[in-house]
Amino acid sequence: MRPLFALLALAAAPSLFAASCPDWLDVDKRRLHDREQVNLCQLTAGRPALIVNTASNCGYTPQFKQLEQLHKSYGDQLVIIGFPSDDFFQEEDDEAKTAEVCYRNYGVSFTMLAPVSVRGSDADPVFKALAQQGGAPKWNFYKYLVDGDGKLVDYWAPTTRPDDEKVVNKIDKLISETHGG
């Protein structure tokens, strides 16, 4: 059994993080093809996250497989969040079809959110913040690695697969730093 102070610290952790969560992550987003809302600060809870703009009908769509493998490999140490977008005209018009591609065709179990715009003046605030920190997506499947404080660590174009050594090494290093290693 855990000592009382440890239980109190665990109970206080989400509220402590909420105080340090950046505004761009302190938002509620609707899950893909669902009514349920998720708060990104609560979802990430101070953990590193890999944020990806996705599309269902893109040559890079098979990267869902590698993203799912990362999700399974890292478990709770890394949060993966997919944002479908039709900014590059390769997303389904019907959200149910997008969900089918993600969940049925690729077995995605990481968090997928409702479609958003990821570039230009209509860009979702999450992608506006990522663009300010590094760069706006120029195509589907840009991958943004952010630390537990919401600071951009690195980002990669779609030509870099999620399981590429460069990506995995950055994730490993960030997780090690997060856990005091």
C-alpha atoms as a PDB file:
ATOM      1  CA  MET A   1       0.000   0.000   0.000  1.00  0.00           C
ATOM      2  CA  ARG A   2       1.277   3.463  -0.880  1.00  0.00           C
ATOM      3  CA  PRO A   3       1.914   6.024   1.823  1.00  0.00           C
ATOM      4  CA  LEU A   4      -0.744   8.708   2.125  1.00  0.00           C
ATOM      5  CA  PHE A   5       1.538  11.510   0.899  1.00  0.00           C
ATOM      6  CA  ALA A   6       2.257   9.557  -2.304  1.00  0.00           C
ATOM      7  CA  LEU A   7      -1.465   9.125  -2.958  1.00  0.00           C
ATOM      8  CA  LEU A   8      -2.065  12.825  -2.329  1.00  0.00           C
ATOM      9  CA  ALA A   9       0.747  13.738  -4.736  1.00  0.00           C
ATOM     10  CA  LEU A  10      -0.736  11.498  -7.417  1.00  0.00           C
ATOM     11  CA  ALA A  11      -4.181  13.009  -6.922  1.00  0.00           C
ATOM     12  CA  ALA A  12      -2.765  16.534  -7.178  1.00  0.00           C
ATOM     13  CA  ALA A  13      -0.634  15.843 -10.294  1.00  0.00           C
ATOM     14  CA  PRO A  14      -3.302  16.607 -12.944  1.00  0.00           C
ATOM     15  CA  SER A  15      -4.232  19.905 -11.306  1.00  0.00           C
ATOM     16  CA  LEU A  16      -0.560  20.830 -10.909  1.00  0.00           C
ATOM     17  CA  PHE A  17       0.027  20.186 -14.592  1.00  0.00           C
ATOM     18  CA  ALA A  18      -3.094  22.115 -15.573  1.00  0.00           C
ATOM     19  CA  ALA A  19      -1.517  25.209 -14.014  1.00  0.00           C
ATOM     20  CA  SER A  20       1.558  24.838 -16.272  1.00  0.00           C
ATOM     21  CA  CYS A  21      -0.210  23.614 -19.393  1.00  0.00           C
ATOM     22  CA  PRO A  22       0.201  26.012 -22.327  1.00  0.00           C
ATOM     23  CA  ASP A  23      -2.953  27.695 -23.625  1.00  0.00           C
ATOM     24  CA  TRP A  24      -2.696  25.956 -26.991  1.00  0.00           C
ATOM     25  CA  LEU A  25      -2.989  22.556 -25.296  1.00  0.00           C
ATOM     26  CA  ASP A  26      -5.592  23.645 -22.763  1.00  0.00           C
ATOM     27  CA  VAL A  27      -8.442  22.964 -25.176  1.00  0.00           C
ATOM     28  CA  ASP A  28     -11.253  20.468 -25.528  1.00  0.00           C
ATOM     29  CA  LYS A  29     -11.397  18.572 -28.806  1.00  0.00           C
ATOM     30  CA  ARG A  30     -13.974  16.130 -30.062  1.00  0.00           C
ATOM     31  CA  ARG A  31     -12.836  12.574 -30.732  1.00  0.00           C
ATOM     32  CA  LEU A  32     -13.124  11.321 -34.301  1.00  0.00           C
ATOM     33  CA  HIS A  33     -16.660  10.204 -35.186  1.00  0.00           C
ATOM     34  CA  ASP A  34     -17.767  10.542 -31.570  1.00  0.00           C
ATOM     35  CA  ARG A  35     -19.505  13.073 -29.324  1.00  0.00           C
ATOM     36  CA  GLU A  36     -16.930  12.647 -26.552  1.00  0.00           C
ATOM     37  CA  GLN A  37     -14.652  15.597 -25.857  1.00  0.00           C
ATOM     38  CA  VAL A  38     -11.074  15.251 -24.657  1.00  0.00           C
ATOM     39  CA  ASN A  39      -8.980  17.968 -23.015  1.00  0.00           C
ATOM     40  CA  LEU A  40      -5.485  17.883 -24.490  1.00  0.00           C
ATOM     41  CA  CYS A  41      -3.843  18.973 -21.205  1.00  0.00           C
ATOM     42  CA  GLN A  42      -5.512  16.098 -19.393  1.00  0.00           C
ATOM     43  CA  LEU A  43      -4.724  13.714 -22.246  1.00  0.00           C
ATOM     44  CA  THR A  44      -1.030  14.561 -22.262  1.00  0.00           C
ATOM     45  CA  ALA A  45      -0.763  15.174 -18.472  1.00  0.00           C
ATOM     46  CA  GLY A  46       2.799  16.425 -18.734  1.00  0.00           C
ATOM     47  CA  ARG A  47       3.941  13.563 -20.977  1.00  0.00           C
ATOM     48  CA  PRO A  48       5.656  13.905 -24.358  1.00  0.00           C
ATOM     49  CA  ALA A  49       3.307  13.841 -27.339  1.00  0.00           C
ATOM     50  CA  LEU A  50       3.611  13.130 -31.038  1.00  0.00           C
ATOM     51  CA  ILE A  51       1.035  15.225 -32.907  1.00  0.00           C
ATOM     52  CA  VAL A  52       0.318  14.284 -36.515  1.00  0.00           C
ATOM     53  CA  ASN A  53      -1.890  15.793 -39.217  1.00  0.00           C
ATOM     54  CA  THR A  54      -3.362  12.828 -41.059  1.00  0.00           C
ATOM     55  CA  ALA A  55      -5.361  12.056 -44.200  1.00  0.00           C
ATOM     56  CA  SER A  56      -7.233   8.957 -45.304  1.00  0.00           C
ATOM     57  CA  ASN A  57      -6.439   9.016 -49.024  1.00  0.00           C
ATOM     58  CA  CYS A  58      -2.779   9.987 -49.112  1.00  0.00           C
ATOM     59  CA  GLY A  59       0.267   8.049 -50.224  1.00  0.00           C
ATOM     60  CA  TYR A  60       1.485   8.415 -46.636  1.00  0.00           C
ATOM     61  CA  THR A  61      -1.688   6.970 -45.074  1.00  0.00           C
ATOM     62  CA  PRO A  62       0.078   3.628 -44.392  1.00  0.00           C
ATOM     63  CA  GLN A  63       2.084   5.536 -41.748  1.00  0.00           C
ATOM     64  CA  PHE A  64      -0.897   4.826 -39.497  1.00  0.00           C
ATOM     65  CA  LYS A  65       0.690   1.369 -39.056  1.00  0.00           C
ATOM     66  CA  GLN A  66       3.962   2.802 -37.751  1.00  0.00           C
ATOM     67  CA  LEU A  67       2.144   5.336 -35.546  1.00  0.00           C
ATOM     68  CA  GLU A  68       0.081   2.523 -34.028  1.00  0.00           C
ATOM     69  CA  GLN A  69       3.251   0.489 -33.437  1.00  0.00           C
ATOM     70  CA  LEU A  70       4.849   3.464 -31.639  1.00  0.00           C
ATOM     71  CA  HIS A  71       1.682   3.797 -29.558  1.00  0.00           C
ATOM     72  CA  LYS A  72       1.877   0.153 -28.541  1.00  0.00           C
ATOM     73  CA  SER A  73       5.638   0.242 -27.937  1.00  0.00           C
ATOM     74  CA  TYR A  74       5.698   3.350 -25.748  1.00  0.00           C
ATOM     75  CA  GLY A  75       2.384   2.885 -23.975  1.00  0.00           C
ATOM     76  CA  ASP A  76       1.731   5.627 -21.430  1.00  0.00           C
ATOM     77  CA  GLN A  77       5.175   7.203 -21.887  1.00  0.00           C
ATOM     78  CA  LEU A  78       4.201   8.880 -25.185  1.00  0.00           C
ATOM     79  CA  VAL A  79       0.840  10.271 -26.271  1.00  0.00           C
ATOM     80  CA  ILE A  80       0.063  10.094 -29.972  1.00  0.00           C
ATOM     81  CA  ILE A  81      -2.647  12.394 -31.304  1.00  0.00           C
ATOM     82  CA  GLY A  82      -3.924  12.323 -34.868  1.00  0.00           C
ATOM     83  CA  PHE A  83      -5.701  15.294 -36.429  1.00  0.00           C
ATOM     84  CA  PRO A  84      -7.350  14.434 -39.750  1.00  0.00           C
ATOM     85  CA  SER A  85      -7.322  17.344 -42.176  1.00  0.00           C
ATOM     86  CA  ASP A  86      -8.572  17.979 -45.678  1.00  0.00           C
ATOM     87  CA  ASP A  87      -6.271  20.957 -46.224  1.00  0.00           C
ATOM     88  CA  PHE A  88      -4.455  18.978 -48.922  1.00  0.00           C
ATOM     89  CA  PHE A  89      -7.654  17.483 -50.402  1.00  0.00           C
ATOM     90  CA  GLN A  90      -6.965  13.887 -49.399  1.00  0.00           C
ATOM     91  CA  GLU A  91      -9.398  13.389 -46.528  1.00  0.00           C
ATOM     92  CA  GLU A  92     -12.833  11.816 -46.703  1.00  0.00           C
ATOM     93  CA  ASP A  93     -15.792  14.214 -46.750  1.00  0.00           C
ATOM     94  CA  ASP A  94     -17.659  11.877 -44.401  1.00  0.00           C
ATOM     95  CA  GLU A  95     -16.168  11.618 -40.898  1.00  0.00           C
ATOM     96  CA  ALA A  96     -17.514   8.058 -40.600  1.00  0.00           C
ATOM     97  CA  LYS A  97     -15.343   7.054 -43.586  1.00  0.00           C
ATOM     98  CA  THR A  98     -12.310   8.692 -41.975  1.00  0.00           C
ATOM     99  CA  ALA A  99     -12.992   6.689 -38.819  1.00  0.00           C
ATOM    100  CA  GLU A 100     -13.307   3.499 -40.870  1.00  0.00           C
ATOM    101  CA  VAL A 101      -9.913   4.080 -42.497  1.00  0.00           C
ATOM    102  CA  CYS A 102      -8.271   4.743 -39.121  1.00  0.00           C
ATOM    103  CA  TYR A 103      -9.957   2.198 -36.909  1.00  0.00           C
ATOM    104  CA  ARG A 104     -10.929  -0.648 -39.221  1.00  0.00           C
ATOM    105  CA  ASN A 105      -8.322  -0.479 -41.994  1.00  0.00           C
ATOM    106  CA  TYR A 106      -5.315   0.407 -39.818  1.00  0.00           C
ATOM    107  CA  GLY A 107      -6.365  -0.684 -36.317  1.00  0.00           C
ATOM    108  CA  VAL A 108      -5.617   2.705 -34.793  1.00  0.00           C
ATOM    109  CA  SER A 109      -6.073   2.773 -31.012  1.00  0.00           C
ATOM    110  CA  PHE A 110      -4.271   6.048 -30.266  1.00  0.00           C
ATOM    111  CA  THR A 111      -6.297   9.257 -29.970  1.00  0.00           C
ATOM    112  CA  MET A 112      -7.793  10.469 -33.231  1.00  0.00           C
ATOM    113  CA  LEU A 113      -9.671  13.758 -33.182  1.00  0.00           C
ATOM    114  CA  ALA A 114     -12.326  15.310 -35.401  1.00  0.00           C
ATOM    115  CA  PRO A 115     -11.018  16.878 -38.628  1.00  0.00           C
ATOM    116  CA  VAL A 116      -9.452  20.338 -38.430  1.00  0.00           C
ATOM    117  CA  SER A 117      -7.631  22.794 -40.647  1.00  0.00           C
ATOM    118  CA  VAL A 118      -3.861  22.686 -40.088  1.00  0.00           C
ATOM    119  CA  ARG A 119      -2.555  25.615 -42.138  1.00  0.00           C
ATOM    120  CA  GLY A 120      -3.329  29.177 -43.044  1.00  0.00           C
ATOM    121  CA  SER A 121      -5.603  31.625 -41.278  1.00  0.00           C
ATOM    122  CA  ASP A 122      -8.162  28.875 -40.551  1.00  0.00           C
ATOM    123  CA  ALA A 123      -5.602  26.618 -38.842  1.00  0.00           C
ATOM    124  CA  ASP A 124      -6.628  25.037 -35.565  1.00  0.00           C
ATOM    125  CA  PRO A 125      -4.918  26.772 -32.582  1.00  0.00           C
ATOM    126  CA  VAL A 126      -2.869  23.621 -31.950  1.00  0.00           C
ATOM    127  CA  PHE A 127      -1.327  23.845 -35.412  1.00  0.00           C
ATOM    128  CA  LYS A 128      -0.950  27.626 -35.194  1.00  0.00           C
ATOM    129  CA  ALA A 129       1.136  27.114 -32.049  1.00  0.00           C
ATOM    130  CA  LEU A 130       3.184  24.342 -33.679  1.00  0.00           C
ATOM    131  CA  ALA A 131       3.761  26.555 -36.734  1.00  0.00           C
ATOM    132  CA  GLN A 132       4.975  29.393 -34.497  1.00  0.00           C
ATOM    133  CA  GLN A 133       7.368  27.038 -32.719  1.00  0.00           C
ATOM    134  CA  GLY A 134       8.700  25.346 -35.839  1.00  0.00           C
ATOM    135  CA  GLY A 135       6.750  25.239 -39.054  1.00  0.00           C
ATOM    136  CA  ALA A 136       3.316  24.681 -40.509  1.00  0.00           C
ATOM    137  CA  PRO A 137       2.579  21.382 -42.225  1.00  0.00           C
ATOM    138  CA  LYS A 138       3.225  21.535 -45.942  1.00  0.00           C
ATOM    139  CA  TRP A 139       1.524  18.186 -46.554  1.00  0.00           C
ATOM    140  CA  ASN A 140      -0.199  15.350 -44.703  1.00  0.00           C
ATOM    141  CA  PHE A 141       1.555  13.344 -41.992  1.00  0.00           C
ATOM    142  CA  TYR A 142       3.806  16.021 -40.556  1.00  0.00           C
ATOM    143  CA  LYS A 143       4.908  14.746 -37.147  1.00  0.00           C
ATOM    144  CA  TYR A 144       5.498  17.141 -34.213  1.00  0.00           C
ATOM    145  CA  LEU A 145       7.207  15.916 -31.052  1.00  0.00           C
ATOM    146  CA  VAL A 146       6.448  18.112 -28.034  1.00  0.00           C
ATOM    147  CA  ASP A 147       7.710  17.750 -24.495  1.00  0.00           C
ATOM    148  CA  GLY A 148       5.570  17.532 -21.368  1.00  0.00           C
ATOM    149  CA  ASP A 149       5.454  21.344 -21.155  1.00  0.00           C
ATOM    150  CA  GLY A 150       4.142  21.696 -24.713  1.00  0.00           C
ATOM    151  CA  LYS A 151       7.437  22.889 -26.211  1.00  0.00           C
ATOM    152  CA  LEU A 152       8.280  21.674 -29.682  1.00  0.00           C
ATOM    153  CA  VAL A 153      11.302  19.357 -29.596  1.00  0.00           C
ATOM    154  CA  ASP A 154      11.419  18.515 -33.308  1.00  0.00           C
ATOM    155  CA  TYR A 155       9.212  17.913 -36.304  1.00  0.00           C
ATOM    156  CA  TRP A 156       9.429  15.871 -39.472  1.00  0.00           C
ATOM    157  CA  ALA A 157       7.964  15.985 -42.958  1.00  0.00           C
ATOM    158  CA  PRO A 158       5.885  13.061 -44.216  1.00  0.00           C
ATOM    159  CA  THR A 159       8.887  11.545 -45.991  1.00  0.00           C
ATOM    160  CA  THR A 160      10.263  10.658 -42.539  1.00  0.00           C
ATOM    161  CA  ARG A 161       8.385   7.622 -41.283  1.00  0.00           C
ATOM    162  CA  PRO A 162       7.225   7.521 -37.653  1.00  0.00           C
ATOM    163  CA  ASP A 163       9.527   4.539 -37.012  1.00  0.00           C
ATOM    164  CA  ASP A 164      12.563   6.220 -38.591  1.00  0.00           C
ATOM    165  CA  GLU A 165      15.663   6.066 -36.380  1.00  0.00           C
ATOM    166  CA  LYS A 166      15.768   9.897 -36.146  1.00  0.00           C
ATOM    167  CA  VAL A 167      12.225  10.007 -34.751  1.00  0.00           C
ATOM    168  CA  VAL A 168      12.646   7.054 -32.392  1.00  0.00           C
ATOM    169  CA  ASN A 169      15.954   8.392 -31.049  1.00  0.00           C
ATOM    170  CA  LYS A 170      14.369  11.797 -30.285  1.00  0.00           C
ATOM    171  CA  ILE A 171      11.424  10.097 -28.562  1.00  0.00           C
ATOM    172  CA  ASP A 172      13.746   7.869 -26.516  1.00  0.00           C
ATOM    173  CA  LYS A 173      15.898  10.833 -25.477  1.00  0.00           C
ATOM    174  CA  LEU A 174      12.855  12.902 -24.520  1.00  0.00           C
ATOM    175  CA  ILE A 175      11.329  10.078 -22.487  1.00  0.00           C
ATOM    176  CA  SER A 176      14.658   9.496 -20.763  1.00  0.00           C
ATOM    177  CA  GLU A 177      14.911  13.203 -19.878  1.00  0.00           C
ATOM    178  CA  THR A 178      11.297  13.212 -18.699  1.00  0.00           C
ATOM    179  CA  HIS A 179      12.003  10.337 -16.321  1.00  0.00           C
ATOM    180  CA  GLY A 180      15.222  11.879 -15.019  1.00  0.00           C
ATOM    181  CA  GLY A 181      17.466   9.551 -16.995  1.00  0.00           C
END
